PDB file of N, CA and C in Angstrom:
ATOM      1  N   MET A   1     -33.531   2.397 -16.391  1.00  0.00           N
ATOM      2  CA  MET A   1     -32.686   1.595 -17.233  1.00  0.00           C
ATOM      3  C   MET A   1     -32.220   0.381 -16.416  1.00  0.00           C
ATOM      4  N   PRO A   2     -32.275  -0.815 -16.952  1.00  0.00           N
ATOM      5  CA  PRO A   2     -31.844  -2.007 -16.226  1.00  0.00           C
ATOM      6  C   PRO A   2     -30.342  -1.973 -15.921  1.00  0.00           C
ATOM      7  N   LEU A   3     -29.981  -2.567 -14.792  1.00  0.00           N
ATOM      8  CA  LEU A   3     -28.580  -2.574 -14.387  1.00  0.00           C
ATOM      9  C   LEU A   3     -27.684  -3.300 -15.399  1.00  0.00           C
ATOM     10  N   ALA A   4     -28.209  -4.329 -16.014  1.00  0.00           N
ATOM     11  CA  ALA A   4     -27.412  -5.073 -16.994  1.00  0.00           C
ATOM     12  C   ALA A   4     -26.976  -4.160 -18.147  1.00  0.00           C
ATOM     13  N   ARG A   5     -27.871  -3.279 -18.583  1.00  0.00           N
ATOM     14  CA  ARG A   5     -27.516  -2.346 -19.661  1.00  0.00           C
ATOM     15  C   ARG A   5     -26.495  -1.329 -19.191  1.00  0.00           C
ATOM     16  N   VAL A   6     -26.669  -0.848 -17.954  1.00  0.00           N
ATOM     17  CA  VAL A   6     -25.719   0.116 -17.390  1.00  0.00           C
ATOM     18  C   VAL A   6     -24.346  -0.542 -17.285  1.00  0.00           C
ATOM     19  N   ALA A   7     -24.302  -1.791 -16.819  1.00  0.00           N
ATOM     20  CA  ALA A   7     -23.032  -2.500 -16.686  1.00  0.00           C
ATOM     21  C   ALA A   7     -22.389  -2.711 -18.047  1.00  0.00           C
ATOM     22  N   ALA A   8     -23.180  -3.036 -19.057  1.00  0.00           N
ATOM     23  CA  ALA A   8     -22.646  -3.258 -20.394  1.00  0.00           C
ATOM     24  C   ALA A   8     -22.132  -1.950 -21.003  1.00  0.00           C
ATOM     25  N   PHE A   9     -22.778  -0.852 -20.666  1.00  0.00           N
ATOM     26  CA  PHE A   9     -22.409   0.450 -21.211  1.00  0.00           C
ATOM     27  C   PHE A   9     -21.188   1.043 -20.506  1.00  0.00           C
ATOM     28  N   GLY A  10     -21.127   0.841 -19.185  1.00  0.00           N
ATOM     29  CA  GLY A  10     -20.083   1.485 -18.390  1.00  0.00           C
ATOM     30  C   GLY A  10     -18.911   0.578 -18.109  1.00  0.00           C
ATOM     31  N   GLU A  11     -18.141   0.979 -17.122  1.00  0.00           N
ATOM     32  CA  GLU A  11     -16.928   0.260 -16.766  1.00  0.00           C
ATOM     33  C   GLU A  11     -17.061  -0.468 -15.439  1.00  0.00           C
ATOM     34  N   ARG A  12     -18.244  -0.549 -14.886  1.00  0.00           N
ATOM     35  CA  ARG A  12     -18.434  -1.181 -13.581  1.00  0.00           C
ATOM     36  C   ARG A  12     -19.101  -2.533 -13.745  1.00  0.00           C
ATOM     37  N   PRO A  13     -18.636  -3.506 -12.961  1.00  0.00           N
ATOM     38  CA  PRO A  13     -19.268  -4.826 -13.018  1.00  0.00           C
ATOM     39  C   PRO A  13     -20.707  -4.772 -12.515  1.00  0.00           C
ATOM     40  N   TYR A  14     -21.487  -5.695 -13.015  1.00  0.00           N
ATOM     41  CA  TYR A  14     -22.907  -5.777 -12.649  1.00  0.00           C
ATOM     42  C   TYR A  14     -23.075  -5.907 -11.135  1.00  0.00           C
ATOM     43  N   ARG A  15     -22.255  -6.749 -10.498  1.00  0.00           N
ATOM     44  CA  ARG A  15     -22.368  -6.973  -9.048  1.00  0.00           C
ATOM     45  C   ARG A  15     -22.092  -5.690  -8.272  1.00  0.00           C
ATOM     46  N   THR A  16     -21.147  -4.885  -8.722  1.00  0.00           N
ATOM     47  CA  THR A  16     -20.856  -3.612  -8.063  1.00  0.00           C
ATOM     48  C   THR A  16     -22.062  -2.690  -8.145  1.00  0.00           C
ATOM     49  N   LEU A  17     -22.688  -2.624  -9.316  1.00  0.00           N
ATOM     50  CA  LEU A  17     -23.872  -1.785  -9.475  1.00  0.00           C
ATOM     51  C   LEU A  17     -25.012  -2.268  -8.587  1.00  0.00           C
ATOM     52  N   GLN A  18     -25.166  -3.578  -8.456  1.00  0.00           N
ATOM     53  CA  GLN A  18     -26.201  -4.115  -7.559  1.00  0.00           C
ATOM     54  C   GLN A  18     -25.954  -3.669  -6.122  1.00  0.00           C
ATOM     55  N   ARG A  19     -24.691  -3.773  -5.694  1.00  0.00           N
ATOM     56  CA  ARG A  19     -24.351  -3.396  -4.316  1.00  0.00           C
ATOM     57  C   ARG A  19     -24.578  -1.904  -4.097  1.00  0.00           C
ATOM     58  N   TRP A  20     -24.183  -1.074  -5.060  1.00  0.00           N
ATOM     59  CA  TRP A  20     -24.390   0.367  -4.928  1.00  0.00           C
ATOM     60  C   TRP A  20     -25.875   0.700  -4.855  1.00  0.00           C
ATOM     61  N   LEU A  21     -26.668   0.061  -5.683  1.00  0.00           N
ATOM     62  CA  LEU A  21     -28.111   0.317  -5.678  1.00  0.00           C
ATOM     63  C   LEU A  21     -28.724  -0.097  -4.343  1.00  0.00           C
ATOM     64  N   ALA A  22     -28.331  -1.245  -3.823  1.00  0.00           N
ATOM     65  CA  ALA A  22     -28.845  -1.700  -2.523  1.00  0.00           C
ATOM     66  C   ALA A  22     -28.442  -0.730  -1.418  1.00  0.00           C
ATOM     67  N   ASP A  23     -27.183  -0.263  -1.441  1.00  0.00           N
ATOM     68  CA  ASP A  23     -26.714   0.709  -0.439  1.00  0.00           C
ATOM     69  C   ASP A  23     -27.516   2.010  -0.534  1.00  0.00           C
ATOM     70  N   TYR A  24     -27.777   2.465  -1.751  1.00  0.00           N
ATOM     71  CA  TYR A  24     -28.533   3.701  -1.947  1.00  0.00           C
ATOM     72  C   TYR A  24     -29.974   3.540  -1.453  1.00  0.00           C
ATOM     73  N   ARG A  25     -30.584   2.427  -1.786  1.00  0.00           N
ATOM     74  CA  ARG A  25     -31.968   2.207  -1.346  1.00  0.00           C
ATOM     75  C   ARG A  25     -32.068   2.093   0.172  1.00  0.00           C
ATOM     76  N   ARG A  26     -31.050   1.525   0.788  1.00  0.00           N
ATOM     77  CA  ARG A  26     -31.076   1.346   2.242  1.00  0.00           C
ATOM     78  C   ARG A  26     -30.761   2.652   2.971  1.00  0.00           C
ATOM     79  N   ASP A  27     -29.739   3.421   2.527  1.00  0.00           N
ATOM     80  CA  ASP A  27     -29.258   4.575   3.287  1.00  0.00           C
ATOM     81  C   ASP A  27     -29.273   5.890   2.532  1.00  0.00           C
ATOM     82  N   GLY A  28     -29.797   5.914   1.312  1.00  0.00           N
ATOM     83  CA  GLY A  28     -29.785   7.138   0.528  1.00  0.00           C
ATOM     84  C   GLY A  28     -28.368   7.465   0.077  1.00  0.00           C
ATOM     85  N   LEU A  29     -28.099   8.756  -0.144  1.00  0.00           N
ATOM     86  CA  LEU A  29     -26.769   9.161  -0.609  1.00  0.00           C
ATOM     87  C   LEU A  29     -25.668   8.796   0.381  1.00  0.00           C
ATOM     88  N   ALA A  30     -25.996   8.794   1.667  1.00  0.00           N
ATOM     89  CA  ALA A  30     -24.999   8.433   2.683  1.00  0.00           C
ATOM     90  C   ALA A  30     -24.525   6.996   2.483  1.00  0.00           C
ATOM     91  N   GLY A  31     -25.343   6.135   1.944  1.00  0.00           N
ATOM     92  CA  GLY A  31     -24.955   4.754   1.699  1.00  0.00           C
ATOM     93  C   GLY A  31     -23.913   4.610   0.605  1.00  0.00           C
ATOM     94  N   LEU A  32     -23.755   5.644  -0.229  1.00  0.00           N
ATOM     95  CA  LEU A  32     -22.768   5.594  -1.305  1.00  0.00           C
ATOM     96  C   LEU A  32     -21.410   6.168  -0.893  1.00  0.00           C
ATOM     97  N   ALA A  33     -21.330   6.736   0.307  1.00  0.00           N
ATOM     98  CA  ALA A  33     -20.058   7.298   0.781  1.00  0.00           C
ATOM     99  C   ALA A  33     -19.065   6.169   1.047  1.00  0.00           C
ATOM    100  N   ARG A  34     -17.801   6.476   0.851  1.00  0.00           N
ATOM    101  CA  ARG A  34     -16.765   5.470   1.120  1.00  0.00           C
ATOM    102  C   ARG A  34     -16.735   5.141   2.600  1.00  0.00           C
ATOM    103  N   ARG A  35     -16.611   3.866   2.873  1.00  0.00           N
ATOM    104  CA  ARG A  35     -16.488   3.425   4.260  1.00  0.00           C
ATOM    105  C   ARG A  35     -15.008   3.304   4.601  1.00  0.00           C
ATOM    106  N   PRO A  36     -14.639   3.625   5.842  1.00  0.00           N
ATOM    107  CA  PRO A  36     -13.227   3.457   6.216  1.00  0.00           C
ATOM    108  C   PRO A  36     -12.861   1.978   6.237  1.00  0.00           C
ATOM    109  N   ARG A  37     -11.616   1.692   5.924  1.00  0.00           N
ATOM    110  CA  ARG A  37     -11.154   0.303   5.942  1.00  0.00           C
ATOM    111  C   ARG A  37     -11.164  -0.223   7.370  1.00  0.00           C
ATOM    112  N   ARG A  38     -11.471  -1.487   7.510  1.00  0.00           N
ATOM    113  CA  ARG A  38     -11.482  -2.090   8.841  1.00  0.00           C
ATOM    114  C   ARG A  38     -10.078  -2.199   9.417  1.00  0.00           C
ATOM    115  N   ASP A  39      -9.092  -2.295   8.555  1.00  0.00           N
ATOM    116  CA  ASP A  39      -7.718  -2.438   9.028  1.00  0.00           C
ATOM    117  C   ASP A  39      -6.942  -1.127   8.976  1.00  0.00           C
ATOM    118  N   ALA A  40      -7.630  -0.011   8.872  1.00  0.00           N
ATOM    119  CA  ALA A  40      -6.961   1.292   8.771  1.00  0.00           C
ATOM    120  C   ALA A  40      -6.117   1.552  10.014  1.00  0.00           C
ATOM    121  N   GLY A  41      -4.889   2.004   9.782  1.00  0.00           N
ATOM    122  CA  GLY A  41      -4.008   2.348  10.886  1.00  0.00           C
ATOM    123  C   GLY A  41      -3.195   1.187  11.421  1.00  0.00           C
ATOM    124  N   ARG A  42      -3.469  -0.019  10.972  1.00  0.00           N
ATOM    125  CA  ARG A  42      -2.709  -1.178  11.440  1.00  0.00           C
ATOM    126  C   ARG A  42      -1.599  -1.494  10.453  1.00  0.00           C
ATOM    127  N   ARG A  43      -0.452  -1.768  10.970  1.00  0.00           N
ATOM    128  CA  ARG A  43       0.663  -2.178  10.114  1.00  0.00           C
ATOM    129  C   ARG A  43       0.566  -3.678   9.882  1.00  0.00           C
ATOM    130  N   ARG A  44       0.773  -4.051   8.633  1.00  0.00           N
ATOM    131  CA  ARG A  44       0.681  -5.462   8.299  1.00  0.00           C
ATOM    132  C   ARG A  44       2.048  -6.096   8.110  1.00  0.00           C
ATOM    133  N   MET A  45       3.086  -5.301   8.191  1.00  0.00           N
ATOM    134  CA  MET A  45       4.433  -5.818   8.030  1.00  0.00           C
ATOM    135  C   MET A  45       5.072  -5.915   9.416  1.00  0.00           C
ATOM    136  N   PRO A  46       5.687  -7.055   9.729  1.00  0.00           N
ATOM    137  CA  PRO A  46       6.338  -7.190  11.033  1.00  0.00           C
ATOM    138  C   PRO A  46       7.405  -6.113  11.241  1.00  0.00           C
ATOM    139  N   GLN A  47       7.591  -5.741  12.488  1.00  0.00           N
ATOM    140  CA  GLN A  47       8.509  -4.652  12.791  1.00  0.00           C
ATOM    141  C   GLN A  47       9.943  -4.981  12.394  1.00  0.00           C
ATOM    142  N   ASP A  48      10.351  -6.251  12.494  1.00  0.00           N
ATOM    143  CA  ASP A  48      11.726  -6.570  12.117  1.00  0.00           C
ATOM    144  C   ASP A  48      11.968  -6.318  10.635  1.00  0.00           C
ATOM    145  N   LEU A  49      10.949  -6.535   9.791  1.00  0.00           N
ATOM    146  CA  LEU A  49      11.102  -6.227   8.371  1.00  0.00           C
ATOM    147  C   LEU A  49      11.121  -4.716   8.134  1.00  0.00           C
ATOM    148  N   GLN A  50      10.327  -3.979   8.900  1.00  0.00           N
ATOM    149  CA  GLN A  50      10.346  -2.520   8.789  1.00  0.00           C
ATOM    150  C   GLN A  50      11.729  -1.980   9.148  1.00  0.00           C
ATOM    151  N   LEU A  51      12.319  -2.534  10.207  1.00  0.00           N
ATOM    152  CA  LEU A  51      13.644  -2.082  10.627  1.00  0.00           C
ATOM    153  C   LEU A  51      14.708  -2.468   9.598  1.00  0.00           C
ATOM    154  N   LEU A  52      14.560  -3.640   8.994  1.00  0.00           N
ATOM    155  CA  LEU A  52      15.493  -4.052   7.947  1.00  0.00           C
ATOM    156  C   LEU A  52      15.434  -3.088   6.764  1.00  0.00           C
ATOM    157  N   ILE A  53      14.232  -2.730   6.347  1.00  0.00           N
ATOM    158  CA  ILE A  53      14.073  -1.787   5.232  1.00  0.00           C
ATOM    159  C   ILE A  53      14.680  -0.433   5.597  1.00  0.00           C
ATOM    160  N   ALA A  54      14.429   0.024   6.819  1.00  0.00           N
ATOM    161  CA  ALA A  54      14.993   1.308   7.253  1.00  0.00           C
ATOM    162  C   ALA A  54      16.517   1.247   7.241  1.00  0.00           C
ATOM    163  N   GLY A  55      17.075   0.136   7.723  1.00  0.00           N
ATOM    164  CA  GLY A  55      18.520  -0.012   7.725  1.00  0.00           C
ATOM    165  C   GLY A  55      19.100  -0.020   6.320  1.00  0.00           C
ATOM    166  N   LEU A  56      18.439  -0.701   5.400  1.00  0.00           N
ATOM    167  CA  LEU A  56      18.898  -0.725   4.016  1.00  0.00           C
ATOM    168  C   LEU A  56      18.849   0.667   3.403  1.00  0.00           C
ATOM    169  N   ALA A  57      17.801   1.420   3.732  1.00  0.00           N
ATOM    170  CA  ALA A  57      17.645   2.764   3.164  1.00  0.00           C
ATOM    171  C   ALA A  57      18.735   3.709   3.648  1.00  0.00           C
ATOM    172  N   LEU A  58      19.263   3.450   4.828  1.00  0.00           N
ATOM    173  CA  LEU A  58      20.282   4.341   5.401  1.00  0.00           C
ATOM    174  C   LEU A  58      21.701   3.944   5.020  1.00  0.00           C
ATOM    175  N   GLN A  59      21.875   2.819   4.323  1.00  0.00           N
ATOM    176  CA  GLN A  59      23.218   2.401   3.910  1.00  0.00           C
ATOM    177  C   GLN A  59      23.803   3.387   2.914  1.00  0.00           C
ATOM    178  N   ARG A  60      25.128   3.538   2.941  1.00  0.00           N
ATOM    179  CA  ARG A  60      25.817   4.374   1.976  1.00  0.00           C
ATOM    180  C   ARG A  60      26.736   3.501   1.159  1.00  0.00           C
ATOM    181  N   PRO A  61      26.695   3.436  -0.106  1.00  0.00           N
ATOM    182  CA  PRO A  61      25.615   3.959  -0.930  1.00  0.00           C
ATOM    183  C   PRO A  61      24.363   3.100  -0.766  1.00  0.00           C
ATOM    184  N   PRO A  62      23.199   3.701  -0.960  1.00  0.00           N
ATOM    185  CA  PRO A  62      21.970   2.925  -0.775  1.00  0.00           C
ATOM    186  C   PRO A  62      21.871   1.825  -1.831  1.00  0.00           C
ATOM    187  N   PRO A  63      21.368   0.656  -1.434  1.00  0.00           N
ATOM    188  CA  PRO A  63      21.203  -0.420  -2.420  1.00  0.00           C
ATOM    189  C   PRO A  63      20.095  -0.072  -3.405  1.00  0.00           C
ATOM    190  N   THR A  64      20.131  -0.730  -4.548  1.00  0.00           N
ATOM    191  CA  THR A  64      19.037  -0.531  -5.500  1.00  0.00           C
ATOM    192  C   THR A  64      17.765  -1.109  -4.904  1.00  0.00           C
ATOM    193  N   ILE A  65      16.631  -0.715  -5.456  1.00  0.00           N
ATOM    194  CA  ILE A  65      15.347  -1.247  -5.003  1.00  0.00           C
ATOM    195  C   ILE A  65      15.342  -2.765  -5.145  1.00  0.00           C
ATOM    196  N   ALA A  66      15.871  -3.267  -6.252  1.00  0.00           N
ATOM    197  CA  ALA A  66      15.872  -4.719  -6.495  1.00  0.00           C
ATOM    198  C   ALA A  66      16.711  -5.449  -5.448  1.00  0.00           C
ATOM    199  N   THR A  67      17.879  -4.904  -5.111  1.00  0.00           N
ATOM    200  CA  THR A  67      18.732  -5.527  -4.102  1.00  0.00           C
ATOM    201  C   THR A  67      18.060  -5.511  -2.742  1.00  0.00           C
ATOM    202  N   ALA A  68      17.504  -4.365  -2.373  1.00  0.00           N
ATOM    203  CA  ALA A  68      16.807  -4.262  -1.090  1.00  0.00           C
ATOM    204  C   ALA A  68      15.636  -5.242  -1.053  1.00  0.00           C
ATOM    205  N   HIS A  69      14.901  -5.346  -2.149  1.00  0.00           N
ATOM    206  CA  HIS A  69      13.764  -6.256  -2.195  1.00  0.00           C
ATOM    207  C   HIS A  69      14.213  -7.701  -2.014  1.00  0.00           C
ATOM    208  N   ARG A  70      15.298  -8.090  -2.680  1.00  0.00           N
ATOM    209  CA  ARG A  70      15.789  -9.467  -2.550  1.00  0.00           C
ATOM    210  C   ARG A  70      16.164  -9.776  -1.110  1.00  0.00           C
ATOM    211  N   ARG A  71      16.829  -8.844  -0.453  1.00  0.00           N
ATOM    212  CA  ARG A  71      17.232  -9.076   0.948  1.00  0.00           C
ATOM    213  C   ARG A  71      16.010  -9.190   1.860  1.00  0.00           C
ATOM    214  N   VAL A  72      15.061  -8.290   1.698  1.00  0.00           N
ATOM    215  CA  VAL A  72      13.860  -8.317   2.535  1.00  0.00           C
ATOM    216  C   VAL A  72      13.032  -9.560   2.222  1.00  0.00           C
ATOM    217  N   ALA A  73      12.927  -9.917   0.947  1.00  0.00           N
ATOM    218  CA  ALA A  73      12.152 -11.093   0.553  1.00  0.00           C
ATOM    219  C   ALA A  73      12.758 -12.366   1.134  1.00  0.00           C
ATOM    220  N   ALA A  74      14.094 -12.440   1.195  1.00  0.00           N
ATOM    221  CA  ALA A  74      14.740 -13.621   1.770  1.00  0.00           C
ATOM    222  C   ALA A  74      14.401 -13.759   3.250  1.00  0.00           C
ATOM    223  N   VAL A  75      14.428 -12.660   3.982  1.00  0.00           N
ATOM    224  CA  VAL A  75      14.077 -12.690   5.404  1.00  0.00           C
ATOM    225  C   VAL A  75      12.602 -13.034   5.569  1.00  0.00           C
ATOM    226  N   ALA A  76      11.748 -12.427   4.746  1.00  0.00           N
ATOM    227  CA  ALA A  76      10.304 -12.689   4.831  1.00  0.00           C
ATOM    228  C   ALA A  76      10.005 -14.153   4.528  1.00  0.00           C
ATOM    229  N   ALA A  77      10.677 -14.713   3.525  1.00  0.00           N
ATOM    230  CA  ALA A  77      10.452 -16.124   3.184  1.00  0.00           C
ATOM    231  C   ALA A  77      10.893 -17.024   4.327  1.00  0.00           C
ATOM    232  N   GLY A  78      11.975 -16.663   5.007  1.00  0.00           N
ATOM    233  CA  GLY A  78      12.435 -17.430   6.160  1.00  0.00           C
ATOM    234  C   GLY A  78      11.427 -17.419   7.297  1.00  0.00           C
ATOM    235  N   GLN A  79      10.597 -16.381   7.348  1.00  0.00           N
ATOM    236  CA  GLN A  79       9.555 -16.277   8.369  1.00  0.00           C
ATOM    237  C   GLN A  79       8.222 -16.816   7.881  1.00  0.00           C
ATOM    238  N   GLY A  80       8.199 -17.304   6.636  1.00  0.00           N
ATOM    239  CA  GLY A  80       6.964 -17.847   6.081  1.00  0.00           C
ATOM    240  C   GLY A  80       5.992 -16.782   5.604  1.00  0.00           C
ATOM    241  N   LEU A  81       6.486 -15.578   5.308  1.00  0.00           N
ATOM    242  CA  LEU A  81       5.621 -14.486   4.853  1.00  0.00           C
ATOM    243  C   LEU A  81       5.667 -14.378   3.333  1.00  0.00           C
ATOM    244  N   ALA A  82       4.546 -14.036   2.736  1.00  0.00           N
ATOM    245  CA  ALA A  82       4.482 -13.824   1.286  1.00  0.00           C
ATOM    246  C   ALA A  82       5.136 -12.488   0.960  1.00  0.00           C
ATOM    247  N   SER A  83       5.726 -12.395  -0.224  1.00  0.00           N
ATOM    248  CA  SER A  83       6.416 -11.151  -0.587  1.00  0.00           C
ATOM    249  C   SER A  83       5.716 -10.408  -1.711  1.00  0.00           C
ATOM    250  N   ALA A  84       4.419 -10.586  -1.851  1.00  0.00           N
ATOM    251  CA  ALA A  84       3.693  -9.981  -2.965  1.00  0.00           C
ATOM    252  C   ALA A  84       3.810  -8.454  -2.974  1.00  0.00           C
ATOM    253  N   GLN A  85       3.733  -7.817  -1.824  1.00  0.00           N
ATOM    254  CA  GLN A  85       3.744  -6.361  -1.775  1.00  0.00           C
ATOM    255  C   GLN A  85       5.066  -5.786  -1.285  1.00  0.00           C
ATOM    256  N   LEU A  86       6.060  -6.630  -1.077  1.00  0.00           N
ATOM    257  CA  LEU A  86       7.307  -6.133  -0.508  1.00  0.00           C
ATOM    258  C   LEU A  86       8.003  -5.117  -1.390  1.00  0.00           C
ATOM    259  N   ARG A  87       8.046  -5.358  -2.704  1.00  0.00           N
ATOM    260  CA  ARG A  87       8.763  -4.426  -3.587  1.00  0.00           C
ATOM    261  C   ARG A  87       8.162  -3.031  -3.478  1.00  0.00           C
ATOM    262  N   HIS A  88       6.835  -2.935  -3.464  1.00  0.00           N
ATOM    263  CA  HIS A  88       6.178  -1.629  -3.337  1.00  0.00           C
ATOM    264  C   HIS A  88       6.544  -0.986  -2.007  1.00  0.00           C
ATOM    265  N   ARG A  89       6.531  -1.759  -0.935  1.00  0.00           N
ATOM    266  CA  ARG A  89       6.828  -1.196   0.378  1.00  0.00           C
ATOM    267  C   ARG A  89       8.286  -0.795   0.500  1.00  0.00           C
ATOM    268  N   VAL A  90       9.177  -1.605  -0.062  1.00  0.00           N
ATOM    269  CA  VAL A  90      10.599  -1.249  -0.042  1.00  0.00           C
ATOM    270  C   VAL A  90      10.807   0.059  -0.796  1.00  0.00           C
ATOM    271  N   ARG A  91      10.206   0.173  -1.974  1.00  0.00           N
ATOM    272  CA  ARG A  91      10.348   1.395  -2.769  1.00  0.00           C
ATOM    273  C   ARG A  91       9.797   2.596  -2.012  1.00  0.00           C
ATOM    274  N   ARG A  92       8.617   2.424  -1.423  1.00  0.00           N
ATOM    275  CA  ARG A  92       7.968   3.539  -0.725  1.00  0.00           C
ATOM    276  C   ARG A  92       8.811   4.025   0.449  1.00  0.00           C
ATOM    277  N   HIS A  93       9.446   3.107   1.163  1.00  0.00           N
ATOM    278  CA  HIS A  93      10.169   3.495   2.368  1.00  0.00           C
ATOM    279  C   HIS A  93      11.614   3.875   2.123  1.00  0.00           C
ATOM    280  N   THR A  94      12.136   3.674   0.928  1.00  0.00           N
ATOM    281  CA  THR A  94      13.533   4.011   0.683  1.00  0.00           C
ATOM    282  C   THR A  94      13.710   5.197  -0.246  1.00  0.00           C
ATOM    283  N   GLN A  95      12.632   5.758  -0.745  1.00  0.00           N
ATOM    284  CA  GLN A  95      12.733   6.891  -1.658  1.00  0.00           C
ATOM    285  C   GLN A  95      12.780   8.205  -0.880  1.00  0.00           C
ATOM    286  N   PRO A  96      13.457   9.216  -1.421  1.00  0.00           N
ATOM    287  CA  PRO A  96      13.413  10.536  -0.794  1.00  0.00           C
ATOM    288  C   PRO A  96      11.959  10.991  -0.666  1.00  0.00           C
ATOM    289  N   GLY A  97      11.653  11.596   0.444  1.00  0.00           N
ATOM    290  CA  GLY A  97      10.272  12.002   0.708  1.00  0.00           C
ATOM    291  C   GLY A  97       9.636  11.113   1.756  1.00  0.00           C
ATOM    292  N   SER A  98      10.177   9.903   1.941  1.00  0.00           N
ATOM    293  CA  SER A  98       9.698   9.041   3.025  1.00  0.00           C
ATOM    294  C   SER A  98      10.466   9.425   4.279  1.00  0.00           C
ATOM    295  N   CYS A  99       9.976   9.043   5.422  1.00  0.00           N
ATOM    296  CA  CYS A  99      10.670   9.371   6.671  1.00  0.00           C
ATOM    297  C   CYS A  99      12.085   8.812   6.660  1.00  0.00           C
ATOM    298  N   VAL A 100      12.235   7.574   6.207  1.00  0.00           N
ATOM    299  CA  VAL A 100      13.553   6.947   6.186  1.00  0.00           C
ATOM    300  C   VAL A 100      14.416   7.584   5.116  1.00  0.00           C
ATOM    301  N   GLY A 101      13.861   7.799   3.934  1.00  0.00           N
ATOM    302  CA  GLY A 101      14.624   8.399   2.856  1.00  0.00           C
ATOM    303  C   GLY A 101      15.133   9.782   3.215  1.00  0.00           C
ATOM    304  N   ASP A 102      14.369  10.527   3.990  1.00  0.00           N
ATOM    305  CA  ASP A 102      14.781  11.867   4.383  1.00  0.00           C
ATOM    306  C   ASP A 102      15.813  11.855   5.498  1.00  0.00           C
ATOM    307  N   ALA A 103      16.055  10.700   6.113  1.00  0.00           N
ATOM    308  CA  ALA A 103      17.031  10.619   7.188  1.00  0.00           C
ATOM    309  C   ALA A 103      18.442  10.410   6.660  1.00  0.00           C
ATOM    310  N   ARG A 104      18.588  10.238   5.367  1.00  0.00           N
ATOM    311  CA  ARG A 104      19.914  10.064   4.793  1.00  0.00           C
ATOM    312  C   ARG A 104      20.735  11.327   4.979  1.00  0.00           C
ATOM    313  N   PRO A 105      22.040  11.176   5.206  1.00  0.00           N
ATOM    314  CA  PRO A 105      22.887  12.348   5.415  1.00  0.00           C
ATOM    315  C   PRO A 105      22.882  13.306   4.220  1.00  0.00           C
ATOM    316  N   ASP A 106      22.746  12.783   2.996  1.00  0.00           N
ATOM    317  CA  ASP A 106      22.778  13.662   1.817  1.00  0.00           C
ATOM    318  C   ASP A 106      21.391  14.180   1.451  1.00  0.00           C
ATOM    319  N   SER A 107      20.418  13.938   2.304  1.00  0.00           N
ATOM    320  CA  SER A 107      19.044  14.332   2.005  1.00  0.00           C
ATOM    321  C   SER A 107      18.922  15.852   2.023  1.00  0.00           C
ATOM    322  N   LYS A 108      18.043  16.367   1.194  1.00  0.00           N
ATOM    323  CA  LYS A 108      17.795  17.786   1.145  1.00  0.00           C
ATOM    324  C   LYS A 108      16.606  18.178   2.022  1.00  0.00           C
ATOM    325  N   ALA A 109      16.187  17.247   2.887  1.00  0.00           N
ATOM    326  CA  ALA A 109      15.059  17.526   3.767  1.00  0.00           C
ATOM    327  C   ALA A 109      15.432  18.631   4.749  1.00  0.00           C
ATOM    328  N   ILE A 110      14.492  19.493   5.043  1.00  0.00           N
ATOM    329  CA  ILE A 110      14.709  20.567   6.006  1.00  0.00           C
ATOM    330  C   ILE A 110      14.369  20.052   7.384  1.00  0.00           C
ATOM    331  N   VAL A 111      15.326  20.109   8.272  1.00  0.00           N
ATOM    332  CA  VAL A 111      15.116  19.653   9.639  1.00  0.00           C
ATOM    333  C   VAL A 111      15.060  20.877  10.519  1.00  0.00           C
ATOM    334  N   SER A 112      13.961  21.014  11.256  1.00  0.00           N
ATOM    335  CA  SER A 112      13.841  22.210  12.104  1.00  0.00           C
ATOM    336  C   SER A 112      13.941  21.826  13.560  1.00  0.00           C
TER     337      SER A 112
END
């Protein structure tokens, strides 16, 4: 079946199907395995912003996500950094279940 028909029938773009087919022809099934990200394990947020988020998460009472985001975004803008992903990162690091969120005095985290 031609790739154009497969692309029209399915949910994958034609270019993606071309790349998958080329990978399969070159390496067999191993060519279709997910490759690790080149930037895996590297932090992309400066440490001062990480510390600011941690500090905000430990405040009593904790600020809302929107307030924390505005504060972090203001600092990031002052450093010339884009804030496209800041809200997600602020939310991730200030919610219970994160290392910082579990460090709150009222946290129900079990410390051994």
